[in-house]
Amino acid sequence: MSEPARELKEAVGRKASVGQTIAAVAWSFFGVRRGRDHEKDMARLNPVHVIIAGVLGAAVFVGMLVLLVRWVVSSGVAGA
Protein backbone atom coordinates (compact mmCIF):
# COMPACT_ATOMS: atom_id res chain seq x y z
CA MET A 1 0.00 0.00 0.00
CA SER A 2 1.33 3.44 -0.90
CA GLU A 3 2.22 5.99 1.77
CA PRO A 4 -0.64 8.45 1.05
CA ALA A 5 -3.21 5.63 1.00
CA ARG A 6 -1.94 4.31 4.31
CA GLU A 7 -2.03 7.80 5.87
CA LEU A 8 -5.59 8.35 4.63
CA LYS A 9 -6.74 5.00 6.00
CA GLU A 10 -5.12 5.83 9.35
CA ALA A 11 -6.74 9.31 9.44
CA VAL A 12 -10.21 7.98 8.67
CA GLY A 13 -9.84 5.42 11.46
CA ARG A 14 -9.35 8.04 14.17
CA LYS A 15 -11.91 8.00 16.96
CA ALA A 16 -12.67 11.40 18.44
CA SER A 17 -15.97 12.12 20.14
CA VAL A 18 -18.71 14.12 18.47
CA GLY A 19 -18.22 16.85 21.06
CA GLN A 20 -14.51 17.11 20.32
CA THR A 21 -15.21 17.36 16.60
CA ILE A 22 -17.89 20.04 17.05
CA ALA A 23 -15.64 22.01 19.41
CA ALA A 24 -12.77 21.96 16.92
CA VAL A 25 -15.04 23.09 14.07
CA ALA A 26 -16.58 25.82 16.25
CA TRP A 27 -13.13 27.16 17.15
CA SER A 28 -12.22 27.15 13.46
CA PHE A 29 -15.27 29.29 12.66
CA PHE A 30 -14.01 31.87 15.16
CA GLY A 31 -10.47 31.60 13.83
CA VAL A 32 -8.82 31.35 17.21
CA ARG A 33 -7.01 28.24 18.37
CA ARG A 34 -3.75 27.66 20.18
CA GLY A 35 -1.13 25.82 18.16
CA ARG A 36 -0.81 23.11 20.78
CA ASP A 37 -4.57 22.42 20.73
CA HIS A 38 -4.60 22.46 16.93
CA GLU A 39 -1.89 19.79 16.85
CA LYS A 40 -3.87 17.63 19.29
CA ASP A 41 -6.96 17.98 17.12
CA MET A 42 -5.03 17.04 13.99
CA ALA A 43 -3.81 13.89 15.69
CA ARG A 44 -7.19 12.63 16.91
CA LEU A 45 -9.95 14.00 14.64
CA ASN A 46 -11.38 12.06 11.73
CA PRO A 47 -11.24 14.28 8.61
CA VAL A 48 -14.56 12.95 7.29
CA HIS A 49 -16.28 13.90 10.56
CA VAL A 50 -14.67 17.34 10.45
CA ILE A 51 -15.96 17.95 6.91
CA ILE A 52 -19.48 16.84 7.84
CA ALA A 53 -19.48 18.99 10.98
CA GLY A 54 -18.14 21.97 9.01
CA VAL A 55 -20.84 21.71 6.35
CA LEU A 56 -23.56 21.35 8.99
CA GLY A 57 -22.11 24.26 10.98
CA ALA A 58 -22.07 26.46 7.90
CA ALA A 59 -25.68 25.51 7.10
CA VAL A 60 -26.77 26.39 10.64
CA PHE A 61 -24.89 29.69 10.45
CA VAL A 62 -26.52 30.63 7.13
CA GLY A 63 -29.92 29.57 8.44
CA MET A 64 -29.50 31.77 11.51
CA LEU A 65 -28.52 34.73 9.31
CA VAL A 66 -31.59 34.21 7.11
CA LEU A 67 -33.85 34.06 10.17
CA LEU A 68 -32.24 37.19 11.61
CA VAL A 69 -32.71 39.13 8.36
CA ARG A 70 -36.34 37.99 8.06
CA TRP A 71 -37.01 39.04 11.65
CA VAL A 72 -35.41 42.48 11.18
CA VAL A 73 -37.26 43.10 7.92
CA SER A 74 -40.64 41.95 9.28
CA SER A 75 -40.27 44.03 12.47
CA GLY A 76 -40.00 47.23 10.47
CA VAL A 77 -36.67 48.21 12.01
CA ALA A 78 -34.91 48.03 8.66
CA GLY A 79 -37.33 50.40 6.92
CA ALA A 80 -37.32 53.12 9.57
PDB file of N, CA and C in Angstrom:
ATOM      1  N   MET A   1       0.844  -1.175   0.000  1.00  0.00           N
ATOM      2  CA  MET A   1       0.000   0.000   0.000  1.00  0.00           C
ATOM      3  C   MET A   1       0.890   1.239   0.000  1.00  0.00           C
ATOM      4  N   SER A   2       0.516   2.225  -0.794  1.00  0.00           N
ATOM      5  CA  SER A   2       1.331   3.440  -0.896  1.00  0.00           C
ATOM      6  C   SER A   2       1.208   4.272   0.384  1.00  0.00           C
ATOM      7  N   GLU A   3       2.168   5.145   0.562  1.00  0.00           N
ATOM      8  CA  GLU A   3       2.221   5.986   1.767  1.00  0.00           C
ATOM      9  C   GLU A   3       0.987   6.874   1.920  1.00  0.00           C
ATOM     10  N   PRO A   4       0.555   7.619   0.883  1.00  0.00           N
ATOM     11  CA  PRO A   4      -0.643   8.454   1.052  1.00  0.00           C
ATOM     12  C   PRO A   4      -1.897   7.637   1.359  1.00  0.00           C
ATOM     13  N   ALA A   5      -2.033   6.468   0.748  1.00  0.00           N
ATOM     14  CA  ALA A   5      -3.205   5.631   1.000  1.00  0.00           C
ATOM     15  C   ALA A   5      -3.204   5.129   2.438  1.00  0.00           C
ATOM     16  N   ARG A   6      -2.042   4.779   2.929  1.00  0.00           N
ATOM     17  CA  ARG A   6      -1.938   4.314   4.314  1.00  0.00           C
ATOM     18  C   ARG A   6      -2.257   5.438   5.290  1.00  0.00           C
ATOM     19  N   GLU A   7      -1.753   6.646   5.004  1.00  0.00           N
ATOM     20  CA  GLU A   7      -2.027   7.796   5.869  1.00  0.00           C
ATOM     21  C   GLU A   7      -3.515   8.141   5.876  1.00  0.00           C
ATOM     22  N   LEU A   8      -4.164   8.057   4.714  1.00  0.00           N
ATOM     23  CA  LEU A   8      -5.592   8.349   4.633  1.00  0.00           C
ATOM     24  C   LEU A   8      -6.395   7.316   5.412  1.00  0.00           C
ATOM     25  N   LYS A   9      -6.032   6.067   5.268  1.00  0.00           N
ATOM     26  CA  LYS A   9      -6.736   5.002   6.005  1.00  0.00           C
ATOM     27  C   LYS A   9      -6.566   5.192   7.502  1.00  0.00           C
ATOM     28  N   GLU A  10      -5.384   5.578   7.935  1.00  0.00           N
ATOM     29  CA  GLU A  10      -5.125   5.830   9.351  1.00  0.00           C
ATOM     30  C   GLU A  10      -5.940   7.029   9.844  1.00  0.00           C
ATOM     31  N   ALA A  11      -6.010   8.096   9.041  1.00  0.00           N
ATOM     32  CA  ALA A  11      -6.737   9.305   9.436  1.00  0.00           C
ATOM     33  C   ALA A  11      -8.228   9.037   9.562  1.00  0.00           C
ATOM     34  N   VAL A  12      -8.784   8.266   8.641  1.00  0.00           N
ATOM     35  CA  VAL A  12     -10.213   7.978   8.673  1.00  0.00           C
ATOM     36  C   VAL A  12     -10.555   7.063   9.849  1.00  0.00           C
ATOM     37  N   GLY A  13      -9.599   6.310  10.337  1.00  0.00           N
ATOM     38  CA  GLY A  13      -9.838   5.416  11.456  1.00  0.00           C
ATOM     39  C   GLY A  13      -9.748   6.065  12.829  1.00  0.00           C
ATOM     40  N   ARG A  14      -9.473   7.353  12.878  1.00  0.00           N
ATOM     41  CA  ARG A  14      -9.355   8.040  14.167  1.00  0.00           C
ATOM     42  C   ARG A  14     -10.699   8.099  14.855  1.00  0.00           C
ATOM     43  N   LYS A  15     -10.675   8.041  16.184  1.00  0.00           N
ATOM     44  CA  LYS A  15     -11.906   8.002  16.963  1.00  0.00           C
ATOM     45  C   LYS A  15     -11.948   9.158  17.959  1.00  0.00           C
ATOM     46  N   ALA A  16     -12.440  10.293  17.538  1.00  0.00           N
ATOM     47  CA  ALA A  16     -12.672  11.404  18.445  1.00  0.00           C
ATOM     48  C   ALA A  16     -14.174  11.482  18.688  1.00  0.00           C
ATOM     49  N   SER A  17     -14.553  12.025  19.825  1.00  0.00           N
ATOM     50  CA  SER A  17     -15.973  12.120  20.138  1.00  0.00           C
ATOM     51  C   SER A  17     -16.636  13.189  19.276  1.00  0.00           C
ATOM     52  N   VAL A  18     -17.947  13.121  19.224  1.00  0.00           N
ATOM     53  CA  VAL A  18     -18.713  14.119  18.473  1.00  0.00           C
ATOM     54  C   VAL A  18     -18.484  15.504  19.073  1.00  0.00           C
ATOM     55  N   GLY A  19     -18.445  15.574  20.382  1.00  0.00           N
ATOM     56  CA  GLY A  19     -18.218  16.848  21.060  1.00  0.00           C
ATOM     57  C   GLY A  19     -16.864  17.452  20.728  1.00  0.00           C
ATOM     58  N   GLN A  20     -15.839  16.620  20.674  1.00  0.00           N
ATOM     59  CA  GLN A  20     -14.506  17.115  20.320  1.00  0.00           C
ATOM     60  C   GLN A  20     -14.481  17.634  18.890  1.00  0.00           C
ATOM     61  N   THR A  21     -15.165  16.934  17.991  1.00  0.00           N
ATOM     62  CA  THR A  21     -15.209  17.364  16.598  1.00  0.00           C
ATOM     63  C   THR A  21     -15.956  18.685  16.468  1.00  0.00           C
ATOM     64  N   ILE A  22     -17.105  18.798  17.116  1.00  0.00           N
ATOM     65  CA  ILE A  22     -17.889  20.036  17.050  1.00  0.00           C
ATOM     66  C   ILE A  22     -17.114  21.190  17.663  1.00  0.00           C
ATOM     67  N   ALA A  23     -16.432  20.952  18.769  1.00  0.00           N
ATOM     68  CA  ALA A  23     -15.645  22.015  19.408  1.00  0.00           C
ATOM     69  C   ALA A  23     -14.524  22.493  18.488  1.00  0.00           C
ATOM     70  N   ALA A  24     -13.851  21.573  17.830  1.00  0.00           N
ATOM     71  CA  ALA A  24     -12.770  21.962  16.922  1.00  0.00           C
ATOM     72  C   ALA A  24     -13.306  22.766  15.742  1.00  0.00           C
ATOM     73  N   VAL A  25     -14.442  22.358  15.195  1.00  0.00           N
ATOM     74  CA  VAL A  25     -15.036  23.087  14.074  1.00  0.00           C
ATOM     75  C   VAL A  25     -15.520  24.461  14.532  1.00  0.00           C
ATOM     76  N   ALA A  26     -16.115  24.530  15.723  1.00  0.00           N
ATOM     77  CA  ALA A  26     -16.577  25.819  16.247  1.00  0.00           C
ATOM     78  C   ALA A  26     -15.410  26.781  16.434  1.00  0.00           C
ATOM     79  N   TRP A  27     -14.310  26.301  16.987  1.00  0.00           N
ATOM     80  CA  TRP A  27     -13.126  27.155  17.147  1.00  0.00           C
ATOM     81  C   TRP A  27     -12.619  27.613  15.787  1.00  0.00           C
ATOM     82  N   SER A  28     -12.705  26.756  14.779  1.00  0.00           N
ATOM     83  CA  SER A  28     -12.218  27.146  13.461  1.00  0.00           C
ATOM     84  C   SER A  28     -13.097  28.227  12.842  1.00  0.00           C
ATOM     85  N   PHE A  29     -14.402  28.226  13.148  1.00  0.00           N
ATOM     86  CA  PHE A  29     -15.274  29.287  12.661  1.00  0.00           C
ATOM     87  C   PHE A  29     -14.881  30.633  13.263  1.00  0.00           C
ATOM     88  N   PHE A  30     -14.446  30.633  14.515  1.00  0.00           N
ATOM     89  CA  PHE A  30     -14.013  31.874  15.158  1.00  0.00           C
ATOM     90  C   PHE A  30     -12.600  32.269  14.739  1.00  0.00           C
ATOM     91  N   GLY A  31     -11.823  31.315  14.306  1.00  0.00           N
ATOM     92  CA  GLY A  31     -10.474  31.602  13.825  1.00  0.00           C
ATOM     93  C   GLY A  31      -9.449  31.751  14.926  1.00  0.00           C
ATOM     94  N   VAL A  32      -9.780  31.278  16.116  1.00  0.00           N
ATOM     95  CA  VAL A  32      -8.817  31.353  17.212  1.00  0.00           C
ATOM     96  C   VAL A  32      -8.603  29.951  17.772  1.00  0.00           C
ATOM     97  N   ARG A  33      -7.365  29.551  17.835  1.00  0.00           N
ATOM     98  CA  ARG A  33      -7.013  28.237  18.371  1.00  0.00           C
ATOM     99  C   ARG A  33      -5.530  28.255  18.676  1.00  0.00           C
ATOM    100  N   ARG A  34      -5.173  27.756  19.830  1.00  0.00           N
ATOM    101  CA  ARG A  34      -3.751  27.664  20.175  1.00  0.00           C
ATOM    102  C   ARG A  34      -3.104  26.571  19.326  1.00  0.00           C
ATOM    103  N   GLY A  35      -1.855  26.778  18.984  1.00  0.00           N
ATOM    104  CA  GLY A  35      -1.130  25.819  18.159  1.00  0.00           C
ATOM    105  C   GLY A  35      -1.073  24.438  18.780  1.00  0.00           C
ATOM    106  N   ARG A  36      -0.890  24.391  20.081  1.00  0.00           N
ATOM    107  CA  ARG A  36      -0.811  23.110  20.784  1.00  0.00           C
ATOM    108  C   ARG A  36      -2.135  22.350  20.659  1.00  0.00           C
ATOM    109  N   ASP A  37      -3.260  23.060  20.839  1.00  0.00           N
ATOM    110  CA  ASP A  37      -4.566  22.416  20.727  1.00  0.00           C
ATOM    111  C   ASP A  37      -4.860  22.001  19.293  1.00  0.00           C
ATOM    112  N   HIS A  38      -4.410  22.802  18.343  1.00  0.00           N
ATOM    113  CA  HIS A  38      -4.597  22.455  16.934  1.00  0.00           C
ATOM    114  C   HIS A  38      -3.860  21.156  16.606  1.00  0.00           C
ATOM    115  N   GLU A  39      -2.654  21.019  17.098  1.00  0.00           N
ATOM    116  CA  GLU A  39      -1.890  19.792  16.846  1.00  0.00           C
ATOM    117  C   GLU A  39      -2.571  18.577  17.467  1.00  0.00           C
ATOM    118  N   LYS A  40      -3.135  18.732  18.666  1.00  0.00           N
ATOM    119  CA  LYS A  40      -3.873  17.629  19.293  1.00  0.00           C
ATOM    120  C   LYS A  40      -5.075  17.240  18.441  1.00  0.00           C
ATOM    121  N   ASP A  41      -5.789  18.255  17.949  1.00  0.00           N
ATOM    122  CA  ASP A  41      -6.956  17.982  17.119  1.00  0.00           C
ATOM    123  C   ASP A  41      -6.560  17.250  15.843  1.00  0.00           C
ATOM    124  N   MET A  42      -5.476  17.675  15.224  1.00  0.00           N
ATOM    125  CA  MET A  42      -5.034  17.041  13.988  1.00  0.00           C
ATOM    126  C   MET A  42      -4.666  15.576  14.210  1.00  0.00           C
ATOM    127  N   ALA A  43      -4.225  15.255  15.397  1.00  0.00           N
ATOM    128  CA  ALA A  43      -3.812  13.886  15.690  1.00  0.00           C
ATOM    129  C   ALA A  43      -4.991  12.968  15.994  1.00  0.00           C
ATOM    130  N   ARG A  44      -6.118  13.512  16.460  1.00  0.00           N
ATOM    131  CA  ARG A  44      -7.195  12.629  16.907  1.00  0.00           C
ATOM    132  C   ARG A  44      -8.499  12.750  16.129  1.00  0.00           C
ATOM    133  N   LEU A  45      -8.676  13.815  15.336  1.00  0.00           N
ATOM    134  CA  LEU A  45      -9.946  13.999  14.640  1.00  0.00           C
ATOM    135  C   LEU A  45      -9.977  13.262  13.305  1.00  0.00           C
ATOM    136  N   ASN A  46     -11.144  12.735  12.992  1.00  0.00           N
ATOM    137  CA  ASN A  46     -11.379  12.057  11.726  1.00  0.00           C
ATOM    138  C   ASN A  46     -11.733  13.127  10.686  1.00  0.00           C
ATOM    139  N   PRO A  47     -10.982  13.221   9.583  1.00  0.00           N
ATOM    140  CA  PRO A  47     -11.237  14.280   8.607  1.00  0.00           C
ATOM    141  C   PRO A  47     -12.639  14.234   8.003  1.00  0.00           C
ATOM    142  N   VAL A  48     -13.201  13.060   7.832  1.00  0.00           N
ATOM    143  CA  VAL A  48     -14.557  12.946   7.288  1.00  0.00           C
ATOM    144  C   VAL A  48     -15.553  13.572   8.255  1.00  0.00           C
ATOM    145  N   HIS A  49     -15.391  13.316   9.551  1.00  0.00           N
ATOM    146  CA  HIS A  49     -16.280  13.900  10.556  1.00  0.00           C
ATOM    147  C   HIS A  49     -16.131  15.416  10.607  1.00  0.00           C
ATOM    148  N   VAL A  50     -14.915  15.902  10.434  1.00  0.00           N
ATOM    149  CA  VAL A  50     -14.673  17.343  10.452  1.00  0.00           C
ATOM    150  C   VAL A  50     -15.370  18.009   9.263  1.00  0.00           C
ATOM    151  N   ILE A  51     -15.306  17.390   8.102  1.00  0.00           N
ATOM    152  CA  ILE A  51     -15.956  17.950   6.909  1.00  0.00           C
ATOM    153  C   ILE A  51     -17.470  17.987   7.100  1.00  0.00           C
ATOM    154  N   ILE A  52     -18.030  16.897   7.605  1.00  0.00           N
ATOM    155  CA  ILE A  52     -19.480  16.844   7.837  1.00  0.00           C
ATOM    156  C   ILE A  52     -19.892  17.897   8.857  1.00  0.00           C
ATOM    157  N   ALA A  53     -19.155  18.003   9.955  1.00  0.00           N
ATOM    158  CA  ALA A  53     -19.478  18.992  10.983  1.00  0.00           C
ATOM    159  C   ALA A  53     -19.322  20.413  10.443  1.00  0.00           C
ATOM    160  N   GLY A  54     -18.336  20.644   9.597  1.00  0.00           N
ATOM    161  CA  GLY A  54     -18.140  21.970   9.007  1.00  0.00           C
ATOM    162  C   GLY A  54     -19.274  22.361   8.084  1.00  0.00           C
ATOM    163  N   VAL A  55     -19.723  21.430   7.262  1.00  0.00           N
ATOM    164  CA  VAL A  55     -20.842  21.712   6.347  1.00  0.00           C
ATOM    165  C   VAL A  55     -22.122  21.968   7.149  1.00  0.00           C
ATOM    166  N   LEU A  56     -22.375  21.142   8.158  1.00  0.00           N
ATOM    167  CA  LEU A  56     -23.560  21.349   8.990  1.00  0.00           C
ATOM    168  C   LEU A  56     -23.468  22.672   9.756  1.00  0.00           C
ATOM    169  N   GLY A  57     -22.291  22.987  10.273  1.00  0.00           N
ATOM    170  CA  GLY A  57     -22.108  24.255  10.984  1.00  0.00           C
ATOM    171  C   GLY A  57     -22.335  25.445  10.079  1.00  0.00           C
ATOM    172  N   ALA A  58     -21.856  25.367   8.853  1.00  0.00           N
ATOM    173  CA  ALA A  58     -22.067  26.458   7.897  1.00  0.00           C
ATOM    174  C   ALA A  58     -23.547  26.589   7.555  1.00  0.00           C
ATOM    175  N   ALA A  59     -24.240  25.475   7.402  1.00  0.00           N
ATOM    176  CA  ALA A  59     -25.676  25.514   7.103  1.00  0.00           C
ATOM    177  C   ALA A  59     -26.461  26.138   8.249  1.00  0.00           C
ATOM    178  N   VAL A  60     -26.105  25.789   9.474  1.00  0.00           N
ATOM    179  CA  VAL A  60     -26.772  26.386  10.638  1.00  0.00           C
ATOM    180  C   VAL A  60     -26.487  27.880  10.701  1.00  0.00           C
ATOM    181  N   PHE A  61     -25.258  28.274  10.434  1.00  0.00           N
ATOM    182  CA  PHE A  61     -24.886  29.690  10.453  1.00  0.00           C
ATOM    183  C   PHE A  61     -25.684  30.475   9.408  1.00  0.00           C
ATOM    184  N   VAL A  62     -25.767  29.959   8.191  1.00  0.00           N
ATOM    185  CA  VAL A  62     -26.516  30.632   7.130  1.00  0.00           C
ATOM    186  C   VAL A  62     -28.004  30.682   7.485  1.00  0.00           C
ATOM    187  N   GLY A  63     -28.514  29.587   8.026  1.00  0.00           N
ATOM    188  CA  GLY A  63     -29.920  29.567   8.443  1.00  0.00           C
ATOM    189  C   GLY A  63     -30.218  30.611   9.508  1.00  0.00           C
ATOM    190  N   MET A  64     -29.313  30.762  10.461  1.00  0.00           N
ATOM    191  CA  MET A  64     -29.495  31.774  11.510  1.00  0.00           C
ATOM    192  C   MET A  64     -29.457  33.180  10.924  1.00  0.00           C
ATOM    193  N   LEU A  65     -28.570  33.417   9.958  1.00  0.00           N
ATOM    194  CA  LEU A  65     -28.521  34.731   9.309  1.00  0.00           C
ATOM    195  C   LEU A  65     -29.813  35.021   8.547  1.00  0.00           C
ATOM    196  N   VAL A  66     -30.341  34.028   7.842  1.00  0.00           N
ATOM    197  CA  VAL A  66     -31.589  34.211   7.106  1.00  0.00           C
ATOM    198  C   VAL A  66     -32.723  34.529   8.070  1.00  0.00           C
ATOM    199  N   LEU A  67     -32.815  33.788   9.175  1.00  0.00           N
ATOM    200  CA  LEU A  67     -33.852  34.059  10.169  1.00  0.00           C
ATOM    201  C   LEU A  67     -33.700  35.443  10.779  1.00  0.00           C
ATOM    202  N   LEU A  68     -32.484  35.859  11.053  1.00  0.00           N
ATOM    203  CA  LEU A  68     -32.243  37.188  11.611  1.00  0.00           C
ATOM    204  C   LEU A  68     -32.679  38.278  10.642  1.00  0.00           C
ATOM    205  N   VAL A  69     -32.327  38.130   9.367  1.00  0.00           N
ATOM    206  CA  VAL A  69     -32.708  39.126   8.360  1.00  0.00           C
ATOM    207  C   VAL A  69     -34.224  39.173   8.206  1.00  0.00           C
ATOM    208  N   ARG A  70     -34.870  38.016   8.158  1.00  0.00           N
ATOM    209  CA  ARG A  70     -36.336  37.994   8.061  1.00  0.00           C
ATOM    210  C   ARG A  70     -36.979  38.684   9.257  1.00  0.00           C
ATOM    211  N   TRP A  71     -36.459  38.427  10.444  1.00  0.00           N
ATOM    212  CA  TRP A  71     -37.007  39.040  11.649  1.00  0.00           C
ATOM    213  C   TRP A  71     -36.845  40.558  11.617  1.00  0.00           C
ATOM    214  N   VAL A  72     -35.662  41.031  11.226  1.00  0.00           N
ATOM    215  CA  VAL A  72     -35.414  42.479  11.179  1.00  0.00           C
ATOM    216  C   VAL A  72     -36.297  43.135  10.138  1.00  0.00           C
ATOM    217  N   VAL A  73     -36.440  42.523   8.974  1.00  0.00           N
ATOM    218  CA  VAL A  73     -37.258  43.100   7.916  1.00  0.00           C
ATOM    219  C   VAL A  73     -38.734  43.105   8.310  1.00  0.00           C
ATOM    220  N   SER A  74     -39.215  42.023   8.919  1.00  0.00           N
ATOM    221  CA  SER A  74     -40.639  41.955   9.283  1.00  0.00           C
ATOM    222  C   SER A  74     -40.976  42.850  10.471  1.00  0.00           C
ATOM    223  N   SER A  75     -39.999  43.184  11.306  1.00  0.00           N
ATOM    224  CA  SER A  75     -40.274  44.034  12.467  1.00  0.00           C
ATOM    225  C   SER A  75     -40.366  45.511  12.086  1.00  0.00           C
ATOM    226  N   GLY A  76     -39.939  45.845  10.904  1.00  0.00           N
ATOM    227  CA  GLY A  76     -40.004  47.232  10.466  1.00  0.00           C
ATOM    228  C   GLY A  76     -38.805  48.054  10.877  1.00  0.00           C
ATOM    229  N   VAL A  77     -37.863  47.487  11.567  1.00  0.00           N
ATOM    230  CA  VAL A  77     -36.669  48.212  12.014  1.00  0.00           C
ATOM    231  C   VAL A  77     -35.816  48.623  10.813  1.00  0.00           C
ATOM    232  N   ALA A  78     -35.761  47.762   9.800  1.00  0.00           N
ATOM    233  CA  ALA A  78     -34.910  48.027   8.657  1.00  0.00           C
ATOM    234  C   ALA A  78     -35.443  49.165   7.793  1.00  0.00           C
ATOM    235  N   GLY A  79     -36.750  49.371   7.772  1.00  0.00           N
ATOM    236  CA  GLY A  79     -37.325  50.399   6.918  1.00  0.00           C
ATOM    237  C   GLY A  79     -37.456  51.753   7.587  1.00  0.00           C
ATOM    238  N   ALA A  80     -37.128  51.867   8.830  1.00  0.00           N
ATOM    239  CA  ALA A  80     -37.323  53.123   9.566  1.00  0.00           C
ATOM    240  C   ALA A  80     -36.307  54.109   9.272  1.00  0.00           C
TER     241      ALA A  80
END
